[in-house]
Amino acid sequence: MTCISTQRMISGHNVDAVSGQVYWTPARSIWTAGMTLIALIAGPLLFTLDAFALYLVTSAVTLCAGHSVGMHRLLIHKSFKTPQWLENILVYLGTLVGMAGPYGMIRAHDIRDWAQRQEHCHDLYAHRRPFFHDAFWQMHCAVKLEHPPTFKLTDEEQANRFYRFLERTWMAQQLPWAIVFWLIGGWSWVVWGIAVRVAVSLTGHWLVGHFAHRTGHQGWSVDNVAVQGYNIKHIALITFGECWHGNHHAFPESARMGLEKGQLDPGWWLIKTLEFMGLAKDLRDPANIPHRAGLRRLAA
């Protein structure tokens, strides 16, 4: 079976993952810069212990249940199944991370995934540029390929009216929570519960992507691809298992990312909890999915 993320990318005979121009994306850039500036300036001025606790709780919920489990493992890779109402909730929580709407997340992930699977790909997709150069590209720009594949959502994804609503309003989804936080805890809760959380989530997502495609531990390697994935030790808890990126490149359809002994994976723990509650089924892992072409086991 082909990974669902590659099935959305329809390749023609002349597609090219290398040739393209990087361009500035104003709306996304202003959003990212605005949240970051508010966090850097107002965060220290309005710091309180309760606001910091709100930041920790809301970050854990949106990043673990929303981004890692809802957006990445469920919506993008279809690595397990849940009732539609629960999938909607998890994807909504993922939207609150502040990266994009569900369709934007799918497209950004799938074009990168497709490009990295080619023999060669553009530097933006491979995180090859120096640290700050890559930061600007990844958080403020996009690349327009000269000969891209055709991107097509599945019929089920296109038919989901809730996802279409989230896609149109993903930035505005912070507003209801900003109002709630202001009514309960004032401006310190708004700054730490919205701006600091979003800024740290966006920056952290880039940092993991930057280092996880450059160096680190590998339990597996894939031949004839432009980009390898690497595992970043010691940050499993704060990334909720997303740091095991070498494992993810080896088995992208797997709901479990921490595959080796001692590799903590809180996202997997949440999925197993949902399974225990009867809310998740058909969990996929390396034992029940086909191996990628060119996959090789390396020294443990």
C-alpha atoms as a PDB file:
ATOM      1  CA  MET A   1       0.000   0.000   0.000  1.00  0.00           C
ATOM      2  CA  THR A   2       1.236   3.491  -0.875  1.00  0.00           C
ATOM      3  CA  CYS A   3       1.341   6.093   1.891  1.00  0.00           C
ATOM      4  CA  ILE A   4      -1.835   8.210   1.755  1.00  0.00           C
ATOM      5  CA  SER A   5       0.223  11.408   1.726  1.00  0.00           C
ATOM      6  CA  THR A   6       1.902  10.365  -1.539  1.00  0.00           C
ATOM      7  CA  GLN A   7      -1.421   9.324  -3.051  1.00  0.00           C
ATOM      8  CA  ARG A   8      -2.599  12.948  -2.851  1.00  0.00           C
ATOM      9  CA  MET A   9       0.386  13.986  -4.989  1.00  0.00           C
ATOM     10  CA  ILE A  10      -0.193  12.910  -8.604  1.00  0.00           C
ATOM     11  CA  SER A  11       3.081  12.846 -10.522  1.00  0.00           C
ATOM     12  CA  GLY A  12       3.353  13.367 -14.259  1.00  0.00           C
ATOM     13  CA  HIS A  13       6.260  12.492 -16.516  1.00  0.00           C
ATOM     14  CA  ASN A  14       7.889  15.942 -16.235  1.00  0.00           C
ATOM     15  CA  VAL A  15       7.573  16.708 -12.514  1.00  0.00           C
ATOM     16  CA  ASP A  16      10.630  18.186 -10.836  1.00  0.00           C
ATOM     17  CA  ALA A  17      11.249  18.558  -7.097  1.00  0.00           C
ATOM     18  CA  VAL A  18      14.323  20.757  -7.532  1.00  0.00           C
ATOM     19  CA  SER A  19      13.635  23.701  -9.855  1.00  0.00           C
ATOM     20  CA  GLY A  20      11.630  26.456  -8.217  1.00  0.00           C
ATOM     21  CA  GLN A  21      11.628  29.921  -6.694  1.00  0.00           C
ATOM     22  CA  VAL A  22      11.301  30.756  -3.005  1.00  0.00           C
ATOM     23  CA  TYR A  23       8.873  33.619  -2.373  1.00  0.00           C
ATOM     24  CA  TRP A  24       7.730  35.556   0.673  1.00  0.00           C
ATOM     25  CA  THR A  25       4.231  34.717   1.998  1.00  0.00           C
ATOM     26  CA  PRO A  26       2.963  38.000   3.534  1.00  0.00           C
ATOM     27  CA  ALA A  27      -0.023  36.742   5.557  1.00  0.00           C
ATOM     28  CA  ARG A  28       1.855  33.836   7.097  1.00  0.00           C
ATOM     29  CA  SER A  29       4.959  35.943   7.709  1.00  0.00           C
ATOM     30  CA  ILE A  30       3.058  38.777   9.412  1.00  0.00           C
ATOM     31  CA  TRP A  31       1.158  36.229  11.513  1.00  0.00           C
ATOM     32  CA  THR A  32       4.359  34.507  12.646  1.00  0.00           C
ATOM     33  CA  ALA A  33       6.280  37.729  13.233  1.00  0.00           C
ATOM     34  CA  GLY A  34       3.363  39.338  15.061  1.00  0.00           C
ATOM     35  CA  MET A  35       2.902  36.445  17.474  1.00  0.00           C
ATOM     36  CA  THR A  36       6.646  36.248  18.064  1.00  0.00           C
ATOM     37  CA  LEU A  37       7.024  39.971  18.772  1.00  0.00           C
ATOM     38  CA  ILE A  38       4.074  39.968  21.187  1.00  0.00           C
ATOM     39  CA  ALA A  39       5.557  36.950  22.961  1.00  0.00           C
ATOM     40  CA  LEU A  40       9.016  38.495  23.227  1.00  0.00           C
ATOM     41  CA  ILE A  41       7.869  41.939  24.354  1.00  0.00           C
ATOM     42  CA  ALA A  42       4.680  41.377  26.341  1.00  0.00           C
ATOM     43  CA  GLY A  43       5.454  37.873  27.613  1.00  0.00           C
ATOM     44  CA  PRO A  44       8.104  38.913  30.181  1.00  0.00           C
ATOM     45  CA  LEU A  45       6.158  42.033  31.170  1.00  0.00           C
ATOM     46  CA  LEU A  46       2.941  40.097  31.865  1.00  0.00           C
ATOM     47  CA  PHE A  47       4.460  36.940  33.302  1.00  0.00           C
ATOM     48  CA  THR A  48       2.500  35.308  36.126  1.00  0.00           C
ATOM     49  CA  LEU A  49       2.614  31.757  37.402  1.00  0.00           C
ATOM     50  CA  ASP A  50      -1.010  31.098  36.469  1.00  0.00           C
ATOM     51  CA  ALA A  51      -0.461  32.454  32.943  1.00  0.00           C
ATOM     52  CA  PHE A  52       2.609  30.247  32.579  1.00  0.00           C
ATOM     53  CA  ALA A  53       0.600  27.247  33.768  1.00  0.00           C
ATOM     54  CA  LEU A  54      -2.053  28.086  31.156  1.00  0.00           C
ATOM     55  CA  TYR A  55       0.670  28.193  28.498  1.00  0.00           C
ATOM     56  CA  LEU A  56       1.962  24.751  29.528  1.00  0.00           C
ATOM     57  CA  VAL A  57      -1.484  23.123  29.582  1.00  0.00           C
ATOM     58  CA  THR A  58      -2.752  24.644  26.332  1.00  0.00           C
ATOM     59  CA  SER A  59       0.534  23.869  24.559  1.00  0.00           C
ATOM     60  CA  ALA A  60       0.420  20.244  25.676  1.00  0.00           C
ATOM     61  CA  VAL A  61      -3.194  19.795  24.539  1.00  0.00           C
ATOM     62  CA  THR A  62      -2.840  21.502  21.166  1.00  0.00           C
ATOM     63  CA  LEU A  63       0.563  20.041  20.291  1.00  0.00           C
ATOM     64  CA  CYS A  64      -0.029  16.483  21.483  1.00  0.00           C
ATOM     65  CA  ALA A  65      -3.724  15.830  20.862  1.00  0.00           C
ATOM     66  CA  GLY A  66      -4.027  18.411  18.090  1.00  0.00           C
ATOM     67  CA  HIS A  67      -0.860  18.550  16.020  1.00  0.00           C
ATOM     68  CA  SER A  68       0.900  15.225  16.628  1.00  0.00           C
ATOM     69  CA  VAL A  69      -2.108  12.933  16.969  1.00  0.00           C
ATOM     70  CA  GLY A  70      -4.901  14.805  15.168  1.00  0.00           C
ATOM     71  CA  MET A  71      -3.213  16.581  12.274  1.00  0.00           C
ATOM     72  CA  HIS A  72      -0.127  14.466  11.647  1.00  0.00           C
ATOM     73  CA  ARG A  73      -0.823  10.854  12.529  1.00  0.00           C
ATOM     74  CA  LEU A  74      -4.596  10.848  11.899  1.00  0.00           C
ATOM     75  CA  LEU A  75      -5.537  13.408   9.239  1.00  0.00           C
ATOM     76  CA  ILE A  76      -2.370  13.338   7.133  1.00  0.00           C
ATOM     77  CA  HIS A  77      -1.160   9.756   7.456  1.00  0.00           C
ATOM     78  CA  LYS A  78      -4.392   7.909   8.367  1.00  0.00           C
ATOM     79  CA  SER A  79      -2.407   5.779  10.791  1.00  0.00           C
ATOM     80  CA  PHE A  80      -5.492   4.932  12.872  1.00  0.00           C
ATOM     81  CA  LYS A  81      -9.243   5.517  12.796  1.00  0.00           C
ATOM     82  CA  THR A  82     -11.604   7.360  15.130  1.00  0.00           C
ATOM     83  CA  PRO A  83     -15.268   8.398  14.993  1.00  0.00           C
ATOM     84  CA  GLN A  84     -15.664  11.482  12.801  1.00  0.00           C
ATOM     85  CA  TRP A  85     -16.740  13.694  15.705  1.00  0.00           C
ATOM     86  CA  LEU A  86     -13.515  12.877  17.558  1.00  0.00           C
ATOM     87  CA  GLU A  87     -11.394  13.387  14.450  1.00  0.00           C
ATOM     88  CA  ASN A  88     -12.993  16.821  14.042  1.00  0.00           C
ATOM     89  CA  ILE A  89     -12.104  17.729  17.635  1.00  0.00           C
ATOM     90  CA  LEU A  90      -8.503  16.577  17.270  1.00  0.00           C
ATOM     91  CA  VAL A  91      -8.060  18.444  13.983  1.00  0.00           C
ATOM     92  CA  TYR A  92      -9.625  21.551  15.548  1.00  0.00           C
ATOM     93  CA  LEU A  93      -7.073  21.364  18.367  1.00  0.00           C
ATOM     94  CA  GLY A  94      -4.370  21.037  15.731  1.00  0.00           C
ATOM     95  CA  THR A  95      -5.642  24.160  14.002  1.00  0.00           C
ATOM     96  CA  LEU A  96      -5.243  26.040  17.299  1.00  0.00           C
ATOM     97  CA  VAL A  97      -1.492  25.417  17.116  1.00  0.00           C
ATOM     98  CA  GLY A  98      -1.533  28.290  14.643  1.00  0.00           C
ATOM     99  CA  MET A  99       0.358  26.835  11.667  1.00  0.00           C
ATOM    100  CA  ALA A 100      -2.422  26.541   9.097  1.00  0.00           C
ATOM    101  CA  GLY A 101      -5.869  25.089   8.504  1.00  0.00           C
ATOM    102  CA  PRO A 102      -6.341  21.364   7.868  1.00  0.00           C
ATOM    103  CA  TYR A 103      -6.020  21.618   4.081  1.00  0.00           C
ATOM    104  CA  GLY A 104      -3.004  23.889   4.330  1.00  0.00           C
ATOM    105  CA  MET A 105      -1.338  21.470   6.731  1.00  0.00           C
ATOM    106  CA  ILE A 106      -2.044  18.521   4.440  1.00  0.00           C
ATOM    107  CA  ARG A 107      -0.717  20.278   1.357  1.00  0.00           C
ATOM    108  CA  ALA A 108       2.420  21.659   3.043  1.00  0.00           C
ATOM    109  CA  HIS A 109       3.226  18.252   4.509  1.00  0.00           C
ATOM    110  CA  ASP A 110       2.476  16.233   1.395  1.00  0.00           C
ATOM    111  CA  ILE A 111       4.482  18.341  -1.045  1.00  0.00           C
ATOM    112  CA  ARG A 112       7.455  18.215   1.332  1.00  0.00           C
ATOM    113  CA  ASP A 113       7.002  14.467   1.829  1.00  0.00           C
ATOM    114  CA  TRP A 114       6.794  13.912  -1.922  1.00  0.00           C
ATOM    115  CA  ALA A 115       9.859  16.077  -2.622  1.00  0.00           C
ATOM    116  CA  GLN A 116      11.975  14.363   0.031  1.00  0.00           C
ATOM    117  CA  ARG A 117      11.137  10.976  -1.507  1.00  0.00           C
ATOM    118  CA  GLN A 118      12.603  12.002  -4.858  1.00  0.00           C
ATOM    119  CA  GLU A 119      16.252  11.430  -5.735  1.00  0.00           C
ATOM    120  CA  HIS A 120      16.872  15.196  -5.513  1.00  0.00           C
ATOM    121  CA  CYS A 121      14.787  18.053  -4.097  1.00  0.00           C
ATOM    122  CA  HIS A 122      14.844  21.807  -3.487  1.00  0.00           C
ATOM    123  CA  ASP A 123      16.928  23.093  -0.566  1.00  0.00           C
ATOM    124  CA  LEU A 124      13.830  24.404   1.217  1.00  0.00           C
ATOM    125  CA  TYR A 125      12.310  20.922   1.421  1.00  0.00           C
ATOM    126  CA  ALA A 126      15.613  19.457   2.634  1.00  0.00           C
ATOM    127  CA  HIS A 127      16.431  22.139   5.265  1.00  0.00           C
ATOM    128  CA  ARG A 128      19.900  22.416   3.680  1.00  0.00           C
ATOM    129  CA  ARG A 129      20.442  26.137   4.145  1.00  0.00           C
ATOM    130  CA  PRO A 130      22.222  27.590   7.239  1.00  0.00           C
ATOM    131  CA  PHE A 131      20.306  27.954  10.497  1.00  0.00           C
ATOM    132  CA  PHE A 132      18.845  31.480  10.201  1.00  0.00           C
ATOM    133  CA  HIS A 133      18.433  31.236   6.436  1.00  0.00           C
ATOM    134  CA  ASP A 134      16.387  28.067   6.903  1.00  0.00           C
ATOM    135  CA  ALA A 135      14.375  29.727   9.694  1.00  0.00           C
ATOM    136  CA  PHE A 136      13.318  32.568   7.405  1.00  0.00           C
ATOM    137  CA  TRP A 137      12.495  30.238   4.539  1.00  0.00           C
ATOM    138  CA  GLN A 138      10.488  27.779   6.614  1.00  0.00           C
ATOM    139  CA  MET A 139       8.458  30.266   8.695  1.00  0.00           C
ATOM    140  CA  HIS A 140       8.053  33.178   6.283  1.00  0.00           C
ATOM    141  CA  CYS A 141       8.306  31.775   2.754  1.00  0.00           C
ATOM    142  CA  ALA A 142       7.261  28.977   0.404  1.00  0.00           C
ATOM    143  CA  VAL A 143       8.668  27.554  -2.799  1.00  0.00           C
ATOM    144  CA  LYS A 144       6.887  27.523  -6.161  1.00  0.00           C
ATOM    145  CA  LEU A 145       8.148  24.590  -8.193  1.00  0.00           C
ATOM    146  CA  GLU A 146       8.384  25.027 -11.942  1.00  0.00           C
ATOM    147  CA  HIS A 147       7.044  21.520 -12.581  1.00  0.00           C
ATOM    148  CA  PRO A 148       5.139  20.401  -9.459  1.00  0.00           C
ATOM    149  CA  PRO A 149       2.979  17.308  -9.086  1.00  0.00           C
ATOM    150  CA  THR A 150      -0.794  17.733  -8.967  1.00  0.00           C
ATOM    151  CA  PHE A 151      -2.189  17.931  -5.444  1.00  0.00           C
ATOM    152  CA  LYS A 152      -5.651  16.458  -4.818  1.00  0.00           C
ATOM    153  CA  LEU A 153      -7.406  15.986  -1.499  1.00  0.00           C
ATOM    154  CA  THR A 154      -9.345  12.780  -0.996  1.00  0.00           C
ATOM    155  CA  ASP A 155     -13.092  12.948  -1.649  1.00  0.00           C
ATOM    156  CA  GLU A 156     -13.743  12.484   2.072  1.00  0.00           C
ATOM    157  CA  GLU A 157     -11.471  15.396   2.982  1.00  0.00           C
ATOM    158  CA  GLN A 158     -13.034  17.694   0.400  1.00  0.00           C
ATOM    159  CA  ALA A 159     -16.541  16.830   1.588  1.00  0.00           C
ATOM    160  CA  ASN A 160     -15.888  17.706   5.240  1.00  0.00           C
ATOM    161  CA  ARG A 161     -17.657  21.024   5.772  1.00  0.00           C
ATOM    162  CA  PHE A 162     -16.040  21.508   9.194  1.00  0.00           C
ATOM    163  CA  TYR A 163     -12.586  21.284   7.643  1.00  0.00           C
ATOM    164  CA  ARG A 164     -13.568  23.802   4.982  1.00  0.00           C
ATOM    165  CA  PHE A 165     -14.725  26.145   7.759  1.00  0.00           C
ATOM    166  CA  LEU A 166     -11.467  25.725   9.679  1.00  0.00           C
ATOM    167  CA  GLU A 167      -9.460  26.331   6.523  1.00  0.00           C
ATOM    168  CA  ARG A 168     -11.182  29.678   5.934  1.00  0.00           C
ATOM    169  CA  THR A 169     -10.939  30.820   9.554  1.00  0.00           C
ATOM    170  CA  TRP A 170      -7.837  29.161  11.040  1.00  0.00           C
ATOM    171  CA  MET A 171      -6.258  32.404  12.268  1.00  0.00           C
ATOM    172  CA  ALA A 172      -9.559  33.640  13.701  1.00  0.00           C
ATOM    173  CA  GLN A 173      -9.940  30.446  15.755  1.00  0.00           C
ATOM    174  CA  GLN A 174      -7.669  32.049  18.368  1.00  0.00           C
ATOM    175  CA  LEU A 175     -10.170  34.864  19.021  1.00  0.00           C
ATOM    176  CA  PRO A 176     -12.822  32.970  21.024  1.00  0.00           C
ATOM    177  CA  TRP A 177     -10.129  31.599  23.304  1.00  0.00           C
ATOM    178  CA  ALA A 178      -8.507  35.019  23.625  1.00  0.00           C
ATOM    179  CA  ILE A 179     -11.838  36.392  24.856  1.00  0.00           C
ATOM    180  CA  VAL A 180     -12.273  33.538  27.334  1.00  0.00           C
ATOM    181  CA  PHE A 181      -8.715  33.939  28.630  1.00  0.00           C
ATOM    182  CA  TRP A 182      -9.134  37.721  28.968  1.00  0.00           C
ATOM    183  CA  LEU A 183     -12.361  37.325  30.954  1.00  0.00           C
ATOM    184  CA  ILE A 184     -10.727  34.836  33.332  1.00  0.00           C
ATOM    185  CA  GLY A 185      -7.151  36.018  33.688  1.00  0.00           C
ATOM    186  CA  GLY A 186      -6.767  39.343  31.899  1.00  0.00           C
ATOM    187  CA  TRP A 187      -4.089  40.254  29.380  1.00  0.00           C
ATOM    188  CA  SER A 188      -1.440  37.981  30.896  1.00  0.00           C
ATOM    189  CA  TRP A 189      -3.600  34.975  30.052  1.00  0.00           C
ATOM    190  CA  VAL A 190      -4.185  36.261  26.508  1.00  0.00           C
ATOM    191  CA  VAL A 191      -0.478  36.820  25.889  1.00  0.00           C
ATOM    192  CA  TRP A 192       0.687  33.517  27.378  1.00  0.00           C
ATOM    193  CA  GLY A 193      -2.298  31.410  26.310  1.00  0.00           C
ATOM    194  CA  ILE A 194      -2.290  32.662  22.709  1.00  0.00           C
ATOM    195  CA  ALA A 195       0.797  34.597  21.548  1.00  0.00           C
ATOM    196  CA  VAL A 196       3.519  32.816  23.529  1.00  0.00           C
ATOM    197  CA  ARG A 197       1.967  29.416  22.865  1.00  0.00           C
ATOM    198  CA  VAL A 198       1.648  30.008  19.117  1.00  0.00           C
ATOM    199  CA  ALA A 199       5.107  31.589  18.781  1.00  0.00           C
ATOM    200  CA  VAL A 200       6.831  28.766  20.660  1.00  0.00           C
ATOM    201  CA  SER A 201       4.859  26.129  18.734  1.00  0.00           C
ATOM    202  CA  LEU A 202       5.775  27.604  15.351  1.00  0.00           C
ATOM    203  CA  THR A 203       9.432  28.053  16.248  1.00  0.00           C
ATOM    204  CA  GLY A 204       9.639  24.631  17.865  1.00  0.00           C
ATOM    205  CA  HIS A 205       8.068  22.957  14.847  1.00  0.00           C
ATOM    206  CA  TRP A 206      10.710  24.513  12.604  1.00  0.00           C
ATOM    207  CA  LEU A 207      13.556  23.606  14.983  1.00  0.00           C
ATOM    208  CA  VAL A 208      12.547  19.938  15.056  1.00  0.00           C
ATOM    209  CA  GLY A 209      12.211  19.889  11.271  1.00  0.00           C
ATOM    210  CA  HIS A 210      15.563  21.635  10.821  1.00  0.00           C
ATOM    211  CA  PHE A 211      17.616  19.272  12.966  1.00  0.00           C
ATOM    212  CA  ALA A 212      15.630  16.094  12.208  1.00  0.00           C
ATOM    213  CA  HIS A 213      16.560  16.378   8.523  1.00  0.00           C
ATOM    214  CA  ARG A 214      20.257  17.135   9.036  1.00  0.00           C
ATOM    215  CA  THR A 215      21.882  14.904  11.638  1.00  0.00           C
ATOM    216  CA  GLY A 216      21.170  12.576  14.526  1.00  0.00           C
ATOM    217  CA  HIS A 217      20.542   8.930  15.333  1.00  0.00           C
ATOM    218  CA  GLN A 218      19.266   6.615  12.620  1.00  0.00           C
ATOM    219  CA  GLY A 219      17.796   3.180  13.184  1.00  0.00           C
ATOM    220  CA  TRP A 220      16.766   3.045   9.536  1.00  0.00           C
ATOM    221  CA  SER A 221      17.876   4.475   6.227  1.00  0.00           C
ATOM    222  CA  VAL A 222      16.078   4.784   2.877  1.00  0.00           C
ATOM    223  CA  ASP A 223      18.037   4.394  -0.334  1.00  0.00           C
ATOM    224  CA  ASN A 224      17.744   6.701  -3.348  1.00  0.00           C
ATOM    225  CA  VAL A 225      15.907   9.570  -1.643  1.00  0.00           C
ATOM    226  CA  ALA A 226      16.890  13.216  -1.363  1.00  0.00           C
ATOM    227  CA  VAL A 227      16.430  13.519   2.396  1.00  0.00           C
ATOM    228  CA  GLN A 228      16.957  11.189   5.337  1.00  0.00           C
ATOM    229  CA  GLY A 229      15.176  11.509   8.679  1.00  0.00           C
ATOM    230  CA  TYR A 230      17.005  11.471  12.016  1.00  0.00           C
ATOM    231  CA  ASN A 231      15.994  10.901  15.611  1.00  0.00           C
ATOM    232  CA  ILE A 232      16.652  13.692  18.105  1.00  0.00           C
ATOM    233  CA  LYS A 233      17.194  12.251  21.555  1.00  0.00           C
ATOM    234  CA  HIS A 234      16.211  13.836  24.876  1.00  0.00           C
ATOM    235  CA  ILE A 235      13.263  15.940  23.617  1.00  0.00           C
ATOM    236  CA  ALA A 236      10.663  13.187  23.243  1.00  0.00           C
ATOM    237  CA  LEU A 237       8.378  14.495  25.984  1.00  0.00           C
ATOM    238  CA  ILE A 238       8.249  18.116  24.822  1.00  0.00           C
ATOM    239  CA  THR A 239       7.724  17.042  21.184  1.00  0.00           C
ATOM    240  CA  PHE A 240       5.232  14.305  22.141  1.00  0.00           C
ATOM    241  CA  GLY A 241       7.153  11.733  20.103  1.00  0.00           C
ATOM    242  CA  GLU A 242       7.588  13.811  16.949  1.00  0.00           C
ATOM    243  CA  CYS A 243      11.364  13.928  17.510  1.00  0.00           C
ATOM    244  CA  TRP A 244      11.711  10.290  16.362  1.00  0.00           C
ATOM    245  CA  HIS A 245      11.796  11.510  12.786  1.00  0.00           C
ATOM    246  CA  GLY A 246      14.162   8.847  11.515  1.00  0.00           C
ATOM    247  CA  ASN A 247      11.587   6.258  12.537  1.00  0.00           C
ATOM    248  CA  HIS A 248       8.867   8.319  10.895  1.00  0.00           C
ATOM    249  CA  HIS A 249      10.733   8.451   7.574  1.00  0.00           C
ATOM    250  CA  ALA A 250      11.107   4.682   7.742  1.00  0.00           C
ATOM    251  CA  PHE A 251       7.451   4.045   8.579  1.00  0.00           C
ATOM    252  CA  PRO A 252       5.399   7.176   7.770  1.00  0.00           C
ATOM    253  CA  GLU A 253       2.072   5.348   8.107  1.00  0.00           C
ATOM    254  CA  SER A 254       2.866   4.142  11.631  1.00  0.00           C
ATOM    255  CA  ALA A 255       0.814   5.584  14.486  1.00  0.00           C
ATOM    256  CA  ARG A 256       3.766   4.815  16.745  1.00  0.00           C
ATOM    257  CA  MET A 257       6.937   6.883  16.301  1.00  0.00           C
ATOM    258  CA  GLY A 258       9.025   5.789  19.279  1.00  0.00           C
ATOM    259  CA  LEU A 259       9.933   2.347  17.942  1.00  0.00           C
ATOM    260  CA  GLU A 260      13.146   1.518  19.785  1.00  0.00           C
ATOM    261  CA  LYS A 261      13.598   0.601  23.429  1.00  0.00           C
ATOM    262  CA  GLY A 262      13.483   3.716  25.600  1.00  0.00           C
ATOM    263  CA  GLN A 263      12.030   5.999  22.912  1.00  0.00           C
ATOM    264  CA  LEU A 264       9.211   7.782  24.726  1.00  0.00           C
ATOM    265  CA  ASP A 265       6.176   8.602  22.584  1.00  0.00           C
ATOM    266  CA  PRO A 266       3.363  10.486  24.384  1.00  0.00           C
ATOM    267  CA  GLY A 267       1.363  10.770  21.154  1.00  0.00           C
ATOM    268  CA  TRP A 268       1.294   6.984  20.916  1.00  0.00           C
ATOM    269  CA  TRP A 269       0.269   6.762  24.567  1.00  0.00           C
ATOM    270  CA  LEU A 270      -2.723   8.992  23.811  1.00  0.00           C
ATOM    271  CA  ILE A 271      -3.709   6.880  20.810  1.00  0.00           C
ATOM    272  CA  LYS A 272      -3.487   3.694  22.888  1.00  0.00           C
ATOM    273  CA  THR A 273      -5.636   5.366  25.564  1.00  0.00           C
ATOM    274  CA  LEU A 274      -8.236   6.185  22.928  1.00  0.00           C
ATOM    275  CA  GLU A 275      -8.092   2.579  21.744  1.00  0.00           C
ATOM    276  CA  PHE A 276      -8.624   1.350  25.325  1.00  0.00           C
ATOM    277  CA  MET A 277     -11.678   3.629  25.547  1.00  0.00           C
ATOM    278  CA  GLY A 278     -13.054   2.220  22.302  1.00  0.00           C
ATOM    279  CA  LEU A 279     -12.445   5.497  20.437  1.00  0.00           C
ATOM    280  CA  ALA A 280      -9.575   4.405  18.170  1.00  0.00           C
ATOM    281  CA  LYS A 281      -9.093   1.320  16.031  1.00  0.00           C
ATOM    282  CA  ASP A 282      -7.027  -0.110  13.194  1.00  0.00           C
ATOM    283  CA  LEU A 283      -3.804   1.228  14.648  1.00  0.00           C
ATOM    284  CA  ARG A 284      -0.953   0.880  12.158  1.00  0.00           C
ATOM    285  CA  ASP A 285       2.651   0.140  13.113  1.00  0.00           C
ATOM    286  CA  PRO A 286       5.694  -1.466  11.448  1.00  0.00           C
ATOM    287  CA  ALA A 287       4.293  -4.938  12.173  1.00  0.00           C
ATOM    288  CA  ASN A 288       1.228  -4.468   9.960  1.00  0.00           C
ATOM    289  CA  ILE A 289       2.304  -2.056   7.219  1.00  0.00           C
ATOM    290  CA  PRO A 290       4.454  -2.728   4.151  1.00  0.00           C
ATOM    291  CA  HIS A 291       8.018  -1.477   4.215  1.00  0.00           C
ATOM    292  CA  ARG A 292       9.124   1.379   1.970  1.00  0.00           C
ATOM    293  CA  ALA A 293      11.202   0.584  -1.081  1.00  0.00           C
ATOM    294  CA  GLY A 294      14.888   0.958  -0.248  1.00  0.00           C
ATOM    295  CA  LEU A 295      14.400   0.742   3.521  1.00  0.00           C
ATOM    296  CA  ARG A 296      17.461  -0.602   5.335  1.00  0.00           C
ATOM    297  CA  ARG A 297      17.931  -1.431   9.017  1.00  0.00           C
ATOM    298  CA  LEU A 298      20.992   0.192  10.560  1.00  0.00           C
ATOM    299  CA  ALA A 299      22.811  -0.636  13.758  1.00  0.00           C
ATOM    300  CA  ALA A 300      20.542  -0.180  16.765  1.00  0.00           C
END
